[in-house]
Amino acid sequence: MDWHDVGWYMLVAVVVYFPTLAVYRLWLHPLAAFPGPRLAAISRYYEAYYDIILAGQYTFKIAEMHRKYGPIVRISPYELHVSDPKFFETLYSFDGQWEKYAWSVDAAGAPLSTICAVKHDVHKRRRNVVNHYFSKAAVNSKQEIVQHIVNKLCGRVSQYVGSYIPLGDAVSAFTRDVAGEFSLGDSYDNLDRDDFNFNSFMNLIPASFIEKTSDSSVVAFFGYLKHLRRVVEEIVSDARQNPDSRRTVIHDILESNLPPVERTTSRIYDEVMTLMSAGYVSTAHCIRLILYHVYSDPKILLQVRSELKSAEKNSNTERDANGNISLSTLEKLPYLTAVLNEGLRLGPAIASRMARVAPDRDIAYGRWCIPAGTPVGMTTILMHTDEEVFSDAGNFNPERWIDPEAPDKATRVFAPFSRGTRMCLGMHLAWAELYFVISTLVTTFDFQFTEVTAEHFQCISDEFVIGTKDLKGMKALVSEYRS
């Protein structure tokens, strides 16, 4: 057989294979009966076009599919997506085994982390080791860490009174310092740097990459990860040589009953990287969003300040050792909590769909039977901006959370940190940061924003986290607030 014959047979194989595959996926596949675009059912290249060529637009294409095909659609040859508040508690449940979709977590770049663990048992084993470190009780016992770093942030902001501060960069430095101090025992003093360590992280990335990337915050984030790898390696080495060194989440992993393969430096880096980056990026975005909307609406600002002033004057208000209002007290303030809820509604932790797999059972949805092992997901940002659930969904309106007539379905789909067995590990720490930083800044400073609008905080692309327009530091004119 010569090469001409080989080429001919290969051509015939290709010509036969792809039409046959298309026929199978369209008419014979277990998901063939589910509605959706035919091209999406045939090939993942359909999704690739929207997420690679059009830069993270598949989330919004999925929303368009639901408007055309209904509440359940087939979004790839293998995966389903649902848009229905009634189904949320079924899919993100604590009952039964729930696995992640292996294909979706491969792109995260941290295959050994808890958040990227595909199998239910692997996730449970890893999470059990670090769960107590980020529990509600642990955060309450260490709330002084957050308050101390908030005070440091205020100190830096005060240096800009009468001038413009890159408030977005300052907020990112704050969340990095909290994540570092809480998890690794050292804040690394991002707030103390003249540029809030923003340019330092930029310098860790090759210029060629910076030139190709329009969003400077994304570039700085990759620089941060490069810096973090060195930090983790140093702590692991020190912990192994000196068991009495300052306790961190890394010590908990090293001293756990996990098998040796689960306690390697590479595995620990993946774990710490996902813990730190999640707390840094998503929490910072939410704080920036809330600050902008609060200071852009005098009525909201006045009401938050009034509530906090009443709490400050109340002799029964619980305080910490330094006289600061305690976290438990802040959590009981209804309007402040409503403001934070609204910020988390418009700025949840991630923009991507959260696919789940029930490996051992079919899932019922209306007249549909979703076969066992099928990835099926819902997307938080789409639920949070659904006009049928939240009226005037694009508007920042804290009143919707204290309205006694508010529909129960709004509460059912409010999931800024996800739900179920895979709920965000750092949720309680994020809440503490939001309560302390917002309550402290609004009672200390006035901000007047320039070159920033509400559109800068809207989700315009799925970058796993919320992709927005580049804030360019989110500059604000600072003045002292005098009540």
Protein backbone atom coordinates (compact mmCIF):
# COMPACT_ATOMS: atom_id res chain seq x y z
CA MET A 1 0.00 0.00 0.00
CA ASP A 2 1.52 3.33 -1.03
CA TRP A 3 1.07 6.72 0.59
CA HIS A 4 -1.54 7.68 -1.94
CA ASP A 5 -3.73 4.80 -0.71
CA VAL A 6 -3.13 5.72 2.96
CA GLY A 7 -4.20 9.29 2.30
CA TRP A 8 -7.29 8.10 0.45
CA TYR A 9 -8.37 5.82 3.32
CA MET A 10 -7.80 8.60 5.86
CA LEU A 11 -9.93 10.97 3.80
CA VAL A 12 -12.72 8.39 3.59
CA ALA A 13 -12.49 7.78 7.36
CA VAL A 14 -12.82 11.50 8.09
CA VAL A 15 -15.68 11.93 5.63
CA VAL A 16 -17.55 9.02 7.23
CA TYR A 17 -16.65 9.74 10.91
CA PHE A 18 -17.85 13.30 11.33
CA PRO A 19 -21.27 12.90 9.72
CA THR A 20 -21.75 9.69 11.68
CA LEU A 21 -20.79 11.47 14.92
CA ALA A 22 -23.19 14.31 14.14
CA VAL A 23 -26.03 11.85 13.47
CA TYR A 24 -25.33 10.06 16.75
CA ARG A 25 -25.24 13.24 18.83
CA LEU A 26 -28.35 14.69 17.21
CA TRP A 27 -30.61 11.63 17.23
CA LEU A 28 -29.09 8.73 19.23
CA HIS A 29 -27.26 10.35 22.15
CA PRO A 30 -28.94 10.13 25.61
CA LEU A 31 -29.37 13.93 25.51
CA ALA A 32 -30.74 13.99 21.95
CA ALA A 33 -34.28 14.83 23.04
CA PHE A 34 -33.32 17.96 24.98
CA PRO A 35 -33.85 21.30 23.20
CA GLY A 36 -31.02 23.56 22.12
CA PRO A 37 -28.99 24.68 19.08
CA ARG A 38 -28.04 21.82 16.79
CA LEU A 39 -24.49 23.10 16.43
CA ALA A 40 -24.06 23.07 20.23
CA ALA A 41 -25.27 19.45 20.30
CA ILE A 42 -22.83 18.43 17.58
CA SER A 43 -19.60 20.06 18.74
CA ARG A 44 -17.92 22.00 21.53
CA TYR A 45 -16.51 24.31 18.87
CA TYR A 46 -19.81 26.16 19.16
CA GLU A 47 -18.99 27.09 22.75
CA ALA A 48 -15.35 27.73 21.83
CA TYR A 49 -16.43 30.38 19.33
CA TYR A 50 -18.27 32.38 22.00
CA ASP A 51 -15.73 31.91 24.81
CA ILE A 52 -12.46 32.10 22.85
CA ILE A 53 -13.13 34.09 19.69
CA LEU A 54 -15.71 36.38 21.35
CA ALA A 55 -13.92 36.37 24.75
CA GLY A 56 -16.17 34.90 27.41
CA GLN A 57 -19.61 35.41 25.87
CA TYR A 58 -21.06 31.91 26.17
CA THR A 59 -22.75 32.70 29.48
CA PHE A 60 -24.84 35.33 27.69
CA LYS A 61 -25.45 33.05 24.71
CA ILE A 62 -26.86 30.49 27.15
CA ALA A 63 -29.27 33.14 28.46
CA GLU A 64 -30.36 33.72 24.87
CA MET A 65 -30.89 29.98 24.40
CA HIS A 66 -33.24 29.87 27.38
CA ARG A 67 -35.32 32.69 25.94
CA LYS A 68 -35.66 30.70 22.72
CA TYR A 69 -35.82 27.06 23.87
CA GLY A 70 -37.17 27.20 27.43
CA PRO A 71 -35.92 26.48 30.96
CA ILE A 72 -33.72 23.49 30.07
CA VAL A 73 -31.29 23.46 27.14
CA ARG A 74 -28.50 21.31 25.81
CA ILE A 75 -25.46 23.60 25.63
CA SER A 76 -22.86 21.09 24.41
CA PRO A 77 -22.81 17.47 23.23
CA TYR A 78 -22.59 16.37 26.86
CA GLU A 79 -24.00 19.12 29.10
CA LEU A 80 -27.35 20.65 30.09
CA HIS A 81 -28.20 24.02 31.58
CA VAL A 82 -31.30 24.98 33.57
CA SER A 83 -32.83 28.39 34.26
CA ASP A 84 -35.57 27.83 36.82
CA PRO A 85 -35.53 29.01 40.47
CA LYS A 86 -37.54 25.96 41.57
CA PHE A 87 -34.77 23.63 40.42
CA PHE A 88 -31.94 25.40 42.22
CA GLU A 89 -32.38 23.69 45.58
CA THR A 90 -32.55 20.30 43.86
CA LEU A 91 -29.28 20.74 41.99
CA TYR A 92 -27.28 22.42 44.75
CA SER A 93 -28.29 20.15 47.57
CA PHE A 94 -26.47 18.67 50.57
CA ASP A 95 -28.18 15.33 49.97
CA GLY A 96 -26.51 12.60 47.92
CA GLN A 97 -23.26 12.53 45.99
CA TRP A 98 -22.49 15.51 43.78
CA GLU A 99 -19.45 15.64 41.56
CA LYS A 100 -18.00 18.35 39.37
CA TYR A 101 -17.72 18.17 35.61
CA ALA A 102 -14.08 17.21 34.95
CA TRP A 103 -13.92 19.11 31.67
CA SER A 104 -15.02 22.37 33.33
CA VAL A 105 -12.44 22.30 36.13
CA ASP A 106 -9.48 21.41 33.92
CA ALA A 107 -9.17 25.04 32.81
CA ALA A 108 -8.84 26.32 36.39
CA GLY A 109 -5.15 25.46 36.52
CA ALA A 110 -5.35 24.01 40.04
CA PRO A 111 -6.25 20.32 39.58
CA LEU A 112 -5.08 19.35 43.07
CA SER A 113 -7.19 21.88 44.97
CA THR A 114 -10.37 21.16 46.90
CA ILE A 115 -12.47 23.37 44.66
CA CYS A 116 -11.33 21.45 41.56
CA ALA A 117 -11.80 17.98 43.04
CA VAL A 118 -14.11 16.12 40.68
CA LYS A 119 -15.05 13.15 42.83
CA HIS A 120 -17.39 13.63 45.78
CA ASP A 121 -15.26 11.65 48.23
CA VAL A 122 -12.01 13.39 47.24
CA HIS A 123 -13.61 16.79 47.70
CA LYS A 124 -15.04 15.81 51.07
CA ARG A 125 -11.70 14.44 52.30
CA ARG A 126 -9.78 17.58 51.31
CA ARG A 127 -12.41 20.00 52.53
CA ASN A 128 -12.67 18.37 55.96
CA VAL A 129 -9.04 19.31 56.62
CA VAL A 130 -9.45 23.05 56.00
CA ASN A 131 -13.14 23.53 56.75
CA HIS A 132 -12.74 24.49 60.40
CA TYR A 133 -10.10 27.07 59.48
CA PHE A 134 -12.71 29.12 57.60
CA SER A 135 -15.77 28.27 59.68
CA LYS A 136 -18.11 30.91 61.07
CA ALA A 137 -16.68 30.32 64.54
CA ALA A 138 -13.09 30.69 63.31
CA VAL A 139 -13.88 33.96 61.53
CA ASN A 140 -15.65 35.32 64.62
CA SER A 141 -12.66 34.43 66.81
CA LYS A 142 -10.28 36.22 64.41
CA GLN A 143 -12.42 39.19 63.46
CA GLU A 144 -9.81 41.52 64.98
CA ILE A 145 -7.53 40.57 62.06
CA VAL A 146 -10.02 41.96 59.57
CA GLN A 147 -10.75 45.06 61.66
CA HIS A 148 -7.02 45.76 62.06
CA ILE A 149 -6.48 45.66 58.31
CA VAL A 150 -9.57 47.84 57.76
CA ASN A 151 -8.00 50.39 60.11
CA LYS A 152 -4.79 50.20 58.10
CA LEU A 153 -6.79 50.80 54.91
CA CYS A 154 -8.35 53.88 56.53
CA GLY A 155 -4.90 55.11 57.44
CA ARG A 156 -3.81 54.88 53.82
CA VAL A 157 -7.00 56.52 52.53
CA SER A 158 -6.54 59.41 54.96
CA GLN A 159 -3.21 60.20 53.27
CA TYR A 160 -5.16 61.09 50.13
CA VAL A 161 -7.63 63.53 51.72
CA GLY A 162 -8.04 66.43 49.29
CA SER A 163 -6.68 64.41 46.37
CA TYR A 164 -7.50 61.36 44.27
CA ILE A 165 -6.86 57.81 45.43
CA PRO A 166 -6.80 54.71 43.20
CA LEU A 167 -9.47 53.21 45.44
CA GLY A 168 -9.84 50.05 43.38
CA ASP A 169 -6.15 49.24 43.86
CA ALA A 170 -6.41 50.04 47.58
CA VAL A 171 -9.37 47.66 47.95
CA SER A 172 -7.46 44.89 46.16
CA ALA A 173 -4.50 45.45 48.50
CA PHE A 174 -6.90 45.22 51.45
CA THR A 175 -8.39 41.88 50.35
CA ARG A 176 -4.94 40.46 49.60
CA ASP A 177 -3.73 41.50 53.05
CA VAL A 178 -6.76 39.92 54.74
CA ALA A 179 -6.39 36.69 52.78
CA GLY A 180 -2.66 36.57 53.54
CA GLU A 181 -2.97 37.33 57.24
CA PHE A 182 -5.92 34.99 57.80
CA SER A 183 -4.61 32.03 55.81
CA LEU A 184 -0.82 32.36 55.86
CA GLY A 185 -0.18 34.40 58.99
CA ASP A 186 1.32 37.38 57.16
CA SER A 187 -0.41 40.16 55.22
CA TYR A 188 2.76 40.92 53.21
CA ASP A 189 1.91 44.59 53.71
CA ASN A 190 0.29 45.32 50.37
CA LEU A 191 -1.45 48.33 51.91
CA ASP A 192 1.88 49.78 53.03
CA ARG A 193 3.29 49.99 49.50
CA ASP A 194 3.10 53.33 47.71
CA ASP A 195 1.29 51.77 44.75
CA PHE A 196 -0.63 49.25 46.91
CA ASN A 197 1.72 46.63 45.39
CA PHE A 198 -0.16 46.84 42.10
CA ASN A 199 2.82 47.73 39.90
CA SER A 200 5.03 45.26 41.75
CA PHE A 201 2.80 42.41 40.62
CA MET A 202 2.68 43.86 37.10
CA ASN A 203 6.49 43.73 36.98
CA LEU A 204 6.48 39.99 37.65
CA ILE A 205 4.81 39.35 34.28
CA PRO A 206 6.62 39.51 30.90
CA ALA A 207 6.05 42.72 28.96
CA SER A 208 4.83 40.73 25.95
CA PHE A 209 1.93 39.37 28.01
CA ILE A 210 1.07 42.83 29.33
CA GLU A 211 0.98 44.21 25.80
CA LYS A 212 -1.52 41.55 24.76
CA THR A 213 -3.79 42.01 27.78
CA SER A 214 -6.05 45.02 28.00
CA ASP A 215 -7.24 44.60 31.58
CA SER A 216 -4.41 45.65 33.90
CA SER A 217 -6.06 44.01 36.92
CA VAL A 218 -5.89 40.62 35.17
CA VAL A 219 -2.18 41.11 34.52
CA ALA A 220 -1.57 42.09 38.14
CA PHE A 221 -3.47 38.98 39.27
CA PHE A 222 -1.11 36.69 37.36
CA GLY A 223 1.80 38.53 38.94
CA TYR A 224 0.21 37.91 42.33
CA LEU A 225 0.01 34.18 41.64
CA LYS A 226 3.69 34.10 40.70
CA HIS A 227 4.53 35.83 43.98
CA LEU A 228 2.24 33.47 45.91
CA ARG A 229 4.04 30.37 44.66
CA ARG A 230 7.27 31.57 46.26
CA VAL A 231 5.47 32.35 49.51
CA VAL A 232 3.90 28.89 49.70
CA GLU A 233 7.22 27.15 49.02
CA GLU A 234 8.88 29.14 51.81
CA ILE A 235 6.12 28.37 54.35
CA VAL A 236 6.06 24.65 53.48
CA SER A 237 9.83 24.43 53.88
CA ASP A 238 9.74 26.32 57.19
CA ALA A 239 6.81 24.27 58.54
CA ARG A 240 8.59 21.00 57.80
CA GLN A 241 11.79 22.17 59.50
CA ASN A 242 10.14 24.02 62.36
CA PRO A 243 6.83 22.47 63.50
CA ASP A 244 6.44 25.24 66.11
CA SER A 245 6.40 28.04 63.53
CA ARG A 246 3.36 30.33 63.32
CA ARG A 247 0.23 28.35 62.49
CA THR A 248 -1.27 28.66 59.02
CA VAL A 249 -3.69 26.68 56.90
CA ILE A 250 -0.61 25.04 55.38
CA HIS A 251 0.30 23.53 58.77
CA ASP A 252 -3.19 22.04 59.01
CA ILE A 253 -2.71 20.30 55.66
CA LEU A 254 0.80 19.07 56.44
CA GLU A 255 -0.28 17.65 59.81
CA SER A 256 -3.53 16.13 58.58
CA ASN A 257 -4.26 12.43 58.03
CA LEU A 258 -4.36 12.94 54.28
CA PRO A 259 -2.17 10.50 52.35
CA PRO A 260 1.38 11.75 51.53
CA VAL A 261 0.44 12.47 47.90
CA GLU A 262 -2.15 14.95 49.22
CA ARG A 263 0.47 16.80 51.29
CA THR A 264 3.01 17.63 48.58
CA THR A 265 4.10 21.21 47.91
CA SER A 266 2.36 21.17 44.52
CA ARG A 267 -0.93 20.07 46.06
CA ILE A 268 -0.65 22.64 48.83
CA TYR A 269 0.08 25.41 46.31
CA ASP A 270 -3.04 24.53 44.32
CA GLU A 271 -5.07 24.62 47.54
CA VAL A 272 -3.67 27.91 48.80
CA MET A 273 -3.80 29.52 45.36
CA THR A 274 -7.53 28.87 45.00
CA LEU A 275 -8.25 29.95 48.58
CA MET A 276 -6.29 33.19 48.26
CA SER A 277 -7.23 34.17 44.72
CA ALA A 278 -10.94 33.58 45.33
CA GLY A 279 -10.85 35.82 48.40
CA TYR A 280 -8.75 38.44 46.67
CA VAL A 281 -10.50 38.87 43.32
CA SER A 282 -14.21 38.30 43.95
CA THR A 283 -14.38 40.05 47.33
CA ALA A 284 -12.49 43.07 46.01
CA HIS A 285 -14.87 43.35 43.06
CA CYS A 286 -17.90 43.24 45.34
CA ILE A 287 -16.49 45.88 47.71
CA ARG A 288 -15.73 48.22 44.80
CA LEU A 289 -19.21 47.72 43.38
CA ILE A 290 -20.88 48.46 46.73
CA LEU A 291 -18.75 51.53 47.41
CA TYR A 292 -19.57 52.98 44.01
CA HIS A 293 -23.32 52.50 44.34
CA VAL A 294 -23.53 53.64 47.96
CA TYR A 295 -21.60 56.84 47.32
CA SER A 296 -23.47 57.47 44.05
CA ASP A 297 -26.86 57.51 45.75
CA PRO A 298 -27.21 60.07 48.59
CA LYS A 299 -30.34 58.36 49.92
CA ILE A 300 -28.58 55.00 50.33
CA LEU A 301 -25.51 56.65 51.87
CA LEU A 302 -27.63 58.61 54.35
CA GLN A 303 -29.59 55.55 55.42
CA VAL A 304 -26.48 53.41 55.95
CA ARG A 305 -24.85 56.16 57.98
CA SER A 306 -27.99 56.73 60.04
CA GLU A 307 -28.25 53.05 60.95
CA LEU A 308 -24.56 52.83 61.88
CA LYS A 309 -24.78 56.02 63.95
CA SER A 310 -27.67 54.56 65.93
CA ALA A 311 -25.69 51.39 66.58
CA GLU A 312 -22.67 53.47 67.64
CA LYS A 313 -24.75 55.44 70.18
CA ASN A 314 -26.52 52.37 71.59
CA SER A 315 -25.04 51.52 74.97
CA ASN A 316 -25.98 47.85 74.50
CA THR A 317 -24.00 47.50 71.27
CA GLU A 318 -21.49 44.67 71.48
CA ARG A 319 -17.89 45.74 70.89
CA ASP A 320 -14.48 44.13 70.62
CA ALA A 321 -11.54 44.77 72.96
CA ASN A 322 -10.61 47.92 71.02
CA GLY A 323 -14.07 49.44 71.16
CA ASN A 324 -15.05 48.62 67.58
CA ILE A 325 -18.60 47.45 66.85
CA SER A 326 -18.52 43.65 66.72
CA LEU A 327 -19.25 41.56 63.67
CA SER A 328 -22.31 40.00 65.31
CA THR A 329 -23.78 43.49 65.84
CA LEU A 330 -23.13 44.56 62.24
CA GLU A 331 -24.80 41.38 61.00
CA LYS A 332 -28.01 42.41 62.78
CA LEU A 333 -28.27 45.79 61.03
CA PRO A 334 -31.01 45.30 58.42
CA TYR A 335 -30.21 48.10 55.99
CA LEU A 336 -26.44 47.51 55.98
CA THR A 337 -27.12 43.80 55.38
CA ALA A 338 -29.51 44.71 52.55
CA VAL A 339 -26.79 46.84 50.93
CA LEU A 340 -24.32 43.96 51.12
CA ASN A 341 -26.90 41.51 49.76
CA GLU A 342 -27.52 43.78 46.81
CA GLY A 343 -23.79 44.08 46.15
CA LEU A 344 -23.42 40.31 46.22
CA ARG A 345 -26.44 39.91 43.94
CA LEU A 346 -24.83 42.07 41.24
CA GLY A 347 -21.30 40.93 42.01
CA PRO A 348 -21.35 37.23 42.97
CA ALA A 349 -18.17 35.20 43.27
CA ILE A 350 -18.18 33.75 39.74
CA ALA A 351 -19.71 34.32 36.32
CA SER A 352 -19.43 30.76 35.03
CA ARG A 353 -22.07 28.08 35.22
CA MET A 354 -21.68 25.66 38.11
CA ALA A 355 -22.11 22.24 36.54
CA ARG A 356 -22.92 19.34 38.86
CA VAL A 357 -23.01 15.62 38.16
CA ALA A 358 -25.12 13.05 39.99
CA PRO A 359 -23.02 9.95 39.27
CA ASP A 360 -25.37 7.34 40.70
CA ARG A 361 -28.92 8.49 39.89
CA ASP A 362 -31.14 10.19 37.36
CA ILE A 363 -32.46 13.67 38.17
CA ALA A 364 -36.08 14.59 37.53
CA TYR A 365 -36.91 18.02 36.15
CA GLY A 366 -40.52 18.48 35.17
CA ARG A 367 -41.27 16.00 32.38
CA TRP A 368 -37.56 15.51 31.75
CA CYS A 369 -35.35 12.76 33.12
CA ILE A 370 -31.71 13.86 33.23
CA PRO A 371 -29.57 10.71 32.90
CA ALA A 372 -27.16 9.81 35.69
CA GLY A 373 -23.66 11.13 35.03
CA THR A 374 -24.87 14.11 32.98
CA PRO A 375 -23.30 17.50 33.81
CA VAL A 376 -26.09 19.99 34.45
CA GLY A 377 -25.60 23.52 35.69
CA MET A 378 -27.11 26.85 36.54
CA THR A 379 -25.43 30.27 36.42
CA THR A 380 -25.60 32.56 39.44
CA ILE A 381 -25.19 35.86 37.60
CA LEU A 382 -28.04 34.93 35.24
CA MET A 383 -30.31 34.02 38.15
CA HIS A 384 -29.39 37.17 40.05
CA THR A 385 -30.31 39.37 37.08
CA ASP A 386 -33.47 37.54 36.04
CA GLU A 387 -36.26 40.12 35.72
CA GLU A 388 -38.86 37.50 36.65
CA VAL A 389 -37.14 37.02 40.00
CA PHE A 390 -35.73 40.49 40.69
CA SER A 391 -37.73 43.39 39.29
CA ASP A 392 -35.56 46.09 37.71
CA ALA A 393 -32.71 43.63 38.13
CA GLY A 394 -29.98 45.89 36.77
CA ASN A 395 -30.67 48.56 39.40
CA PHE A 396 -28.83 48.63 42.74
CA ASN A 397 -31.76 48.64 45.15
CA PRO A 398 -31.19 47.50 48.77
CA GLU A 399 -34.89 48.01 49.52
CA ARG A 400 -35.70 44.77 47.71
CA TRP A 401 -34.10 42.84 50.61
CA ILE A 402 -36.16 44.46 53.37
CA ASP A 403 -39.45 44.57 51.53
CA PRO A 404 -41.88 42.21 53.36
CA GLU A 405 -43.65 41.63 50.05
CA ALA A 406 -40.44 40.43 48.36
CA PRO A 407 -41.01 37.04 46.69
CA ASP A 408 -39.56 33.94 48.31
CA LYS A 409 -38.07 32.83 45.00
CA ALA A 410 -35.59 35.71 45.20
CA THR A 411 -34.18 34.25 48.41
CA ARG A 412 -34.17 30.74 46.95
CA VAL A 413 -31.88 31.68 44.06
CA PHE A 414 -29.67 34.14 45.96
CA ALA A 415 -26.42 32.22 45.98
CA PRO A 416 -23.38 34.52 45.67
CA PHE A 417 -21.21 31.80 47.23
CA SER A 418 -23.05 28.86 45.65
CA ARG A 419 -24.94 26.28 47.74
CA GLY A 420 -24.76 22.67 48.79
CA THR A 421 -21.70 20.54 49.44
CA ARG A 422 -19.54 22.71 47.18
CA MET A 423 -20.42 26.03 48.83
CA CYS A 424 -17.54 28.55 48.86
CA LEU A 425 -15.12 27.76 51.69
CA GLY A 426 -14.25 31.42 52.33
CA MET A 427 -17.84 32.66 52.52
CA HIS A 428 -17.77 33.67 56.19
CA LEU A 429 -14.47 35.54 55.82
CA ALA A 430 -15.84 37.41 52.79
CA TRP A 431 -18.93 38.46 54.75
CA ALA A 432 -16.74 39.74 57.59
CA GLU A 433 -14.65 41.80 55.15
CA LEU A 434 -17.76 43.32 53.61
CA TYR A 435 -19.34 44.24 56.94
CA PHE A 436 -16.20 45.80 58.40
CA VAL A 437 -14.86 47.65 55.37
CA ILE A 438 -18.17 49.15 54.22
CA SER A 439 -19.30 50.18 57.73
CA THR A 440 -15.93 51.76 58.51
CA LEU A 441 -15.36 53.63 55.25
CA VAL A 442 -18.86 55.15 55.04
CA THR A 443 -18.55 56.56 58.57
CA THR A 444 -15.05 57.94 57.96
CA PHE A 445 -14.76 59.27 54.40
CA ASP A 446 -16.62 60.80 51.50
CA PHE A 447 -15.69 59.66 47.99
CA GLN A 448 -16.41 61.36 44.71
CA PHE A 449 -15.75 59.10 41.75
CA THR A 450 -14.35 60.20 38.42
CA GLU A 451 -14.29 58.38 35.09
CA VAL A 452 -16.29 55.51 36.60
CA THR A 453 -19.93 54.68 35.91
CA ALA A 454 -22.31 51.89 36.88
CA GLU A 455 -21.52 50.20 33.56
CA HIS A 456 -17.96 49.55 34.75
CA PHE A 457 -19.30 47.04 37.29
CA GLN A 458 -21.62 45.11 35.00
CA CYS A 459 -20.60 41.62 33.97
CA ILE A 460 -19.57 41.80 30.31
CA SER A 461 -17.60 38.56 30.05
CA ASP A 462 -17.21 35.22 31.77
CA GLU A 463 -13.65 35.06 33.09
CA PHE A 464 -14.73 32.50 35.68
CA VAL A 465 -14.92 35.54 37.96
CA ILE A 466 -17.00 38.54 36.86
CA GLY A 467 -15.40 40.18 33.83
CA THR A 468 -15.92 43.97 33.68
CA LYS A 469 -14.56 47.04 31.98
CA ASP A 470 -11.09 48.01 33.23
CA LEU A 471 -11.57 50.37 36.17
CA LYS A 472 -8.06 51.87 35.78
CA GLY A 473 -7.66 52.06 39.54
CA MET A 474 -11.19 53.40 40.20
CA LYS A 475 -10.01 56.88 41.15
CA ALA A 476 -11.95 58.81 43.79
CA LEU A 477 -11.58 62.25 45.35
CA VAL A 478 -11.26 61.78 49.11
CA SER A 479 -12.59 64.01 51.87
CA GLU A 480 -13.22 63.42 55.55
CA TYR A 481 -16.77 62.71 56.60
CA ARG A 482 -18.01 64.84 59.47
CA SER A 483 -21.36 63.76 60.91
